[in-house]
N, C-alpha and C. Protein backbone atom coordinates (compact mmCIF):
# COMPACT_ATOMS: atom_id res chain seq x y z
N MET A 1 0.59 3.68 -27.12
CA MET A 1 -0.05 4.18 -28.31
C MET A 1 -0.24 3.09 -29.43
N GLU A 2 0.81 2.34 -29.47
CA GLU A 2 0.68 1.28 -30.48
C GLU A 2 -0.45 0.28 -30.21
N ASP A 3 -0.63 0.05 -28.90
CA ASP A 3 -1.67 -0.88 -28.56
C ASP A 3 -3.14 -0.46 -28.85
N LEU A 4 -3.27 0.85 -29.21
CA LEU A 4 -4.62 1.34 -29.60
C LEU A 4 -4.94 1.15 -30.94
N GLY A 5 -3.96 0.69 -31.77
CA GLY A 5 -4.20 0.40 -33.24
C GLY A 5 -4.53 1.71 -33.91
N GLU A 6 -5.44 1.60 -34.86
CA GLU A 6 -5.85 2.82 -35.64
C GLU A 6 -6.35 3.94 -34.87
N VAL A 7 -7.02 3.71 -33.79
CA VAL A 7 -7.58 4.70 -32.82
C VAL A 7 -6.43 5.51 -32.34
N GLY A 8 -5.32 4.89 -32.07
CA GLY A 8 -4.05 5.58 -31.54
C GLY A 8 -3.63 6.69 -32.46
N ASN A 9 -3.91 6.61 -33.73
CA ASN A 9 -3.50 7.67 -34.65
C ASN A 9 -4.21 8.93 -34.40
N ARG A 10 -5.32 8.93 -33.64
CA ARG A 10 -6.03 10.14 -33.33
C ARG A 10 -5.58 10.83 -32.07
N VAL A 11 -4.57 10.29 -31.44
CA VAL A 11 -4.08 10.80 -30.15
C VAL A 11 -2.80 11.54 -30.44
N GLN A 12 -2.67 12.79 -29.95
CA GLN A 12 -1.41 13.43 -30.07
C GLN A 12 -0.79 13.60 -28.63
N PRO A 13 0.25 12.88 -28.39
CA PRO A 13 0.84 13.02 -27.04
C PRO A 13 1.62 14.20 -26.95
N ILE A 14 1.56 14.86 -25.81
CA ILE A 14 2.22 16.15 -25.51
C ILE A 14 2.90 15.95 -24.14
N PHE A 15 4.14 16.40 -24.07
CA PHE A 15 4.94 16.44 -22.82
C PHE A 15 5.22 17.88 -22.47
N VAL A 16 4.96 18.25 -21.24
CA VAL A 16 5.17 19.59 -20.86
C VAL A 16 6.33 19.56 -19.91
N SER A 17 7.42 20.26 -20.11
CA SER A 17 8.66 20.39 -19.23
C SER A 17 8.20 21.32 -18.00
N LEU A 18 8.47 20.98 -16.91
CA LEU A 18 8.23 21.73 -15.72
C LEU A 18 9.44 22.42 -15.16
N ASP A 19 10.59 22.35 -15.79
CA ASP A 19 11.77 22.91 -15.33
C ASP A 19 12.51 23.80 -16.39
N PRO A 20 11.96 24.99 -16.62
CA PRO A 20 12.55 25.82 -17.74
C PRO A 20 13.96 26.18 -17.53
N GLN A 21 14.49 26.26 -16.25
CA GLN A 21 15.72 26.66 -15.94
C GLN A 21 16.85 25.65 -16.44
N ARG A 22 16.47 24.36 -16.47
CA ARG A 22 17.43 23.26 -16.81
C ARG A 22 17.17 22.69 -18.13
N GLU A 23 15.90 22.64 -18.57
CA GLU A 23 15.63 21.78 -19.79
C GLU A 23 15.61 22.83 -21.02
N GLU A 24 16.59 22.68 -21.81
CA GLU A 24 16.56 23.45 -23.18
C GLU A 24 15.69 22.63 -24.11
N PRO A 25 15.33 23.15 -25.18
CA PRO A 25 14.56 22.50 -26.30
C PRO A 25 15.16 21.21 -26.67
N ASN A 26 16.44 21.16 -26.93
CA ASN A 26 17.11 19.98 -27.43
C ASN A 26 17.04 18.84 -26.38
N THR A 27 17.25 19.35 -25.08
CA THR A 27 17.20 18.37 -23.96
C THR A 27 15.88 17.59 -23.84
N VAL A 28 14.82 18.32 -24.03
CA VAL A 28 13.37 17.87 -23.94
C VAL A 28 13.20 16.87 -25.18
N ASN A 29 13.64 17.29 -26.37
CA ASN A 29 13.43 16.44 -27.53
C ASN A 29 14.28 15.19 -27.33
N ILE A 30 15.35 15.17 -26.79
CA ILE A 30 16.13 13.90 -26.69
C ILE A 30 15.38 13.07 -25.67
N TYR A 31 14.82 13.54 -24.56
CA TYR A 31 14.07 12.76 -23.61
C TYR A 31 12.92 12.10 -24.33
N LEU A 32 12.25 12.88 -25.08
CA LEU A 32 11.01 12.44 -25.72
C LEU A 32 11.14 11.29 -26.75
N LYS A 33 12.36 11.35 -27.41
CA LYS A 33 12.77 10.26 -28.47
C LYS A 33 12.67 8.88 -27.76
N ALA A 34 12.88 8.84 -26.39
CA ALA A 34 12.86 7.58 -25.64
C ALA A 34 11.43 7.01 -25.61
N PHE A 35 10.47 7.78 -25.77
CA PHE A 35 9.15 7.39 -25.76
C PHE A 35 8.58 7.05 -27.19
N SER A 36 8.60 8.05 -28.04
CA SER A 36 8.16 8.02 -29.38
C SER A 36 8.44 9.28 -30.17
N ASP A 37 8.52 9.10 -31.42
CA ASP A 37 8.78 10.28 -32.28
C ASP A 37 7.43 11.11 -32.43
N ARG A 38 6.41 10.64 -31.87
CA ARG A 38 5.00 11.33 -32.05
C ARG A 38 4.86 12.35 -30.97
N PHE A 39 5.56 12.35 -29.84
CA PHE A 39 5.44 13.32 -28.85
C PHE A 39 5.87 14.78 -29.23
N ILE A 40 5.16 15.62 -28.87
CA ILE A 40 5.45 17.10 -28.98
C ILE A 40 5.85 17.61 -27.54
N GLY A 41 6.97 18.25 -27.52
CA GLY A 41 7.43 18.77 -26.30
C GLY A 41 7.08 20.35 -26.16
N LEU A 42 6.55 20.71 -24.96
CA LEU A 42 6.22 22.09 -24.79
C LEU A 42 6.98 22.62 -23.60
N ARG A 43 7.43 23.87 -23.63
CA ARG A 43 8.13 24.56 -22.67
C ARG A 43 7.46 25.94 -22.45
N GLY A 44 7.79 26.66 -21.34
CA GLY A 44 7.35 27.99 -21.17
C GLY A 44 8.10 28.65 -20.08
N SER A 45 7.64 29.83 -19.75
CA SER A 45 8.28 30.51 -18.64
C SER A 45 7.82 29.95 -17.37
N GLU A 46 8.53 30.18 -16.26
CA GLU A 46 8.10 29.70 -15.00
C GLU A 46 6.68 30.04 -14.59
N ASP A 47 6.36 31.33 -14.86
CA ASP A 47 4.91 31.71 -14.67
C ASP A 47 3.88 30.99 -15.49
N GLN A 48 4.28 30.83 -16.80
CA GLN A 48 3.31 30.05 -17.56
C GLN A 48 3.12 28.63 -17.14
N LEU A 49 4.25 28.07 -16.77
CA LEU A 49 4.20 26.56 -16.28
C LEU A 49 3.46 26.41 -15.07
N GLN A 50 3.64 27.39 -14.10
CA GLN A 50 2.90 27.34 -12.80
C GLN A 50 1.47 27.55 -13.11
N ALA A 51 1.06 28.39 -14.11
CA ALA A 51 -0.42 28.60 -14.35
C ALA A 51 -0.95 27.36 -14.94
N ALA A 52 -0.19 26.74 -15.86
CA ALA A 52 -0.72 25.50 -16.52
C ALA A 52 -0.80 24.33 -15.45
N ALA A 53 0.19 24.23 -14.76
CA ALA A 53 0.25 23.15 -13.66
C ALA A 53 -1.05 23.36 -12.75
N SER A 54 -1.17 24.63 -12.31
CA SER A 54 -2.39 24.93 -11.42
C SER A 54 -3.69 24.51 -12.13
N ALA A 55 -3.80 25.00 -13.37
CA ALA A 55 -5.10 24.67 -14.09
C ALA A 55 -5.40 23.23 -14.24
N PHE A 56 -4.47 22.43 -14.34
CA PHE A 56 -4.58 20.98 -14.55
C PHE A 56 -4.41 20.14 -13.19
N GLY A 57 -4.26 20.88 -12.20
CA GLY A 57 -4.12 20.16 -10.73
C GLY A 57 -2.74 19.35 -10.63
N VAL A 58 -1.74 19.86 -11.23
CA VAL A 58 -0.42 19.24 -11.18
C VAL A 58 0.35 19.92 -10.05
N SER A 59 0.82 19.26 -9.07
CA SER A 59 1.58 19.81 -8.00
C SER A 59 3.12 19.88 -8.42
N VAL A 60 3.79 20.99 -8.20
CA VAL A 60 5.17 21.19 -8.59
C VAL A 60 5.82 21.88 -7.44
N GLN A 61 7.04 21.22 -7.09
CA GLN A 61 7.77 21.90 -6.12
C GLN A 61 9.29 21.77 -6.38
N ARG A 62 9.97 22.90 -6.25
CA ARG A 62 11.40 22.94 -6.39
C ARG A 62 12.06 22.74 -5.02
N ILE A 63 12.82 21.73 -4.87
CA ILE A 63 13.53 21.38 -3.56
C ILE A 63 14.93 21.77 -3.68
N ARG A 64 15.49 22.78 -2.95
CA ARG A 64 16.85 23.15 -2.96
C ARG A 64 17.60 22.35 -1.99
N PHE A 65 18.79 21.96 -2.38
CA PHE A 65 19.72 21.10 -1.45
C PHE A 65 20.74 22.02 -0.78
N SER A 66 21.01 23.18 -1.41
CA SER A 66 22.12 24.09 -0.81
C SER A 66 21.84 25.55 -1.19
N ALA A 67 22.64 26.40 -0.97
CA ALA A 67 22.55 27.82 -1.32
C ALA A 67 22.91 28.01 -2.84
N ASP A 68 23.43 26.99 -3.47
CA ASP A 68 23.78 27.08 -4.99
C ASP A 68 22.32 26.97 -5.72
N PRO A 69 22.04 28.01 -6.47
CA PRO A 69 20.73 28.05 -7.20
C PRO A 69 20.58 26.87 -8.17
N THR A 70 21.63 26.29 -8.50
CA THR A 70 21.52 25.15 -9.50
C THR A 70 21.44 23.77 -8.83
N ASP A 71 21.54 23.70 -7.48
CA ASP A 71 21.51 22.45 -6.63
C ASP A 71 20.06 22.25 -6.18
N TYR A 72 19.21 21.74 -7.06
CA TYR A 72 17.88 21.46 -6.71
C TYR A 72 17.28 20.32 -7.55
N THR A 73 16.18 19.83 -7.13
CA THR A 73 15.34 18.83 -7.83
C THR A 73 13.97 19.32 -7.90
N MET A 74 13.26 18.89 -8.89
CA MET A 74 11.91 19.12 -9.09
C MET A 74 11.06 17.94 -8.71
N VAL A 75 10.08 18.17 -7.87
CA VAL A 75 9.14 17.06 -7.50
C VAL A 75 7.73 17.47 -7.90
N HIS A 76 7.14 16.55 -8.64
CA HIS A 76 5.85 17.01 -9.21
C HIS A 76 5.01 15.71 -9.36
N SER A 77 3.76 15.88 -9.44
CA SER A 77 2.82 14.86 -9.83
C SER A 77 2.93 14.62 -11.35
N SER A 78 2.61 13.49 -11.86
CA SER A 78 2.81 13.19 -13.30
C SER A 78 1.50 12.58 -13.90
N PRO A 79 0.44 13.23 -13.71
CA PRO A 79 -0.78 12.67 -14.43
C PRO A 79 -0.69 12.73 -15.86
N VAL A 80 -1.54 11.80 -16.45
CA VAL A 80 -1.77 11.86 -17.93
C VAL A 80 -3.03 12.52 -18.00
N ILE A 81 -3.01 13.62 -18.73
CA ILE A 81 -4.22 14.43 -18.89
C ILE A 81 -4.71 14.43 -20.25
N VAL A 82 -6.04 13.99 -20.44
CA VAL A 82 -6.57 13.77 -21.78
C VAL A 82 -7.46 14.88 -22.07
N LEU A 83 -7.26 15.59 -23.16
CA LEU A 83 -8.08 16.74 -23.57
C LEU A 83 -8.80 16.20 -24.79
N VAL A 84 -10.11 16.31 -24.82
CA VAL A 84 -10.87 15.85 -25.92
C VAL A 84 -11.60 17.05 -26.53
N PRO A 85 -11.35 17.19 -27.83
CA PRO A 85 -11.96 18.35 -28.58
C PRO A 85 -13.52 18.39 -28.38
N GLY A 86 -14.05 19.51 -27.99
CA GLY A 86 -15.51 19.67 -27.76
C GLY A 86 -15.96 19.22 -26.44
N LYS A 87 -15.06 18.71 -25.55
CA LYS A 87 -15.33 18.43 -24.15
C LYS A 87 -14.63 19.32 -23.27
N PRO A 88 -15.35 20.08 -22.44
CA PRO A 88 -14.80 21.25 -21.66
C PRO A 88 -13.89 20.67 -20.52
N ASP A 89 -14.17 19.55 -19.94
CA ASP A 89 -13.31 19.08 -18.83
C ASP A 89 -12.23 18.04 -19.22
N PRO A 90 -11.04 18.30 -18.78
CA PRO A 90 -9.93 17.31 -19.05
C PRO A 90 -10.28 16.04 -18.29
N ILE A 91 -9.68 14.98 -18.76
CA ILE A 91 -9.67 13.75 -17.97
C ILE A 91 -8.28 13.46 -17.43
N SER A 92 -8.25 13.28 -16.12
CA SER A 92 -6.97 13.06 -15.56
C SER A 92 -6.73 11.65 -15.05
N ILE A 93 -5.62 11.12 -15.52
CA ILE A 93 -5.26 9.68 -15.17
C ILE A 93 -4.05 9.70 -14.36
N ASN A 94 -4.03 8.98 -13.26
CA ASN A 94 -2.84 8.83 -12.41
C ASN A 94 -1.64 8.40 -13.22
N GLY A 95 -0.58 9.09 -12.95
CA GLY A 95 0.69 8.72 -13.69
C GLY A 95 1.19 7.36 -13.40
N ASP A 96 0.77 6.83 -12.38
CA ASP A 96 1.27 5.39 -11.98
C ASP A 96 0.28 4.34 -12.47
N SER A 97 -0.69 4.77 -13.26
CA SER A 97 -1.71 3.86 -13.73
C SER A 97 -0.95 2.83 -14.74
N SER A 98 -1.58 1.58 -14.84
CA SER A 98 -1.03 0.60 -15.68
C SER A 98 -1.37 0.99 -17.21
N ALA A 99 -0.60 0.44 -18.04
CA ALA A 99 -0.82 0.61 -19.53
C ALA A 99 -2.25 0.30 -19.84
N GLU A 100 -2.78 -0.81 -19.34
CA GLU A 100 -4.19 -1.20 -19.60
C GLU A 100 -5.18 -0.09 -19.04
N GLU A 101 -4.89 0.50 -17.97
CA GLU A 101 -5.80 1.48 -17.36
C GLU A 101 -5.83 2.74 -18.37
N ILE A 102 -4.54 3.23 -18.76
CA ILE A 102 -4.37 4.32 -19.63
C ILE A 102 -5.03 4.05 -20.97
N ARG A 103 -4.85 2.88 -21.56
CA ARG A 103 -5.41 2.42 -22.78
C ARG A 103 -7.01 2.56 -22.68
N ALA A 104 -7.54 2.05 -21.50
CA ALA A 104 -9.04 1.93 -21.47
C ALA A 104 -9.55 3.47 -21.35
N ALA A 105 -8.88 4.34 -20.60
CA ALA A 105 -9.21 5.65 -20.48
C ALA A 105 -9.25 6.39 -21.94
N LEU A 106 -8.16 6.17 -22.65
CA LEU A 106 -8.00 6.78 -24.00
C LEU A 106 -9.14 6.29 -24.87
N ASN A 107 -9.36 4.85 -24.91
CA ASN A 107 -10.45 4.33 -25.71
C ASN A 107 -11.80 4.94 -25.36
N SER A 108 -12.09 5.05 -23.94
CA SER A 108 -13.30 5.64 -23.64
C SER A 108 -13.47 7.11 -24.11
N ALA A 109 -12.39 7.87 -23.96
CA ALA A 109 -12.46 9.34 -24.38
C ALA A 109 -12.71 9.32 -25.88
N LEU A 110 -12.00 8.52 -26.63
CA LEU A 110 -12.17 8.57 -28.15
C LEU A 110 -13.54 8.06 -28.59
N GLU A 111 -14.14 7.10 -27.82
CA GLU A 111 -15.35 6.59 -28.15
C GLU A 111 -16.47 7.68 -27.94
N HIS A 112 -16.39 8.44 -26.85
CA HIS A 112 -17.29 9.48 -26.47
C HIS A 112 -17.33 10.72 -27.43
N ARG A 113 -16.09 10.79 -28.05
CA ARG A 113 -15.87 11.90 -28.97
C ARG A 113 -16.58 11.58 -30.23
N GLY A 114 -16.58 10.30 -30.59
CA GLY A 114 -17.27 9.91 -31.79
C GLY A 114 -16.26 10.02 -32.98
N GLY A 115 -16.41 9.31 -33.92
CA GLY A 115 -15.55 9.34 -35.18
C GLY A 115 -14.29 8.72 -34.89
């Protein structure tokens, strides 16, 4: 974000928690502080999160290790999804993209938006 300069001020980073059973609002906020104070954390019900993940093409799977319902891990893709006001289709960037690739995609999205 900082590498984008003034243009970066027009970007609102949002993190969506995919594990509502484990992640309380405070937990998500602590996690986000490691990235930046600018991130907004969103949570929802399992149904809401599945619908959002499906809409954005994010794969999510709960893998259980035992009969204990708390003994699991979440496996999911981690794309960076760019939503541009006035543009109907989101831009999806692979989560393992380099900082330069993400920066270029954000710059391109912001340029096409104008202003």
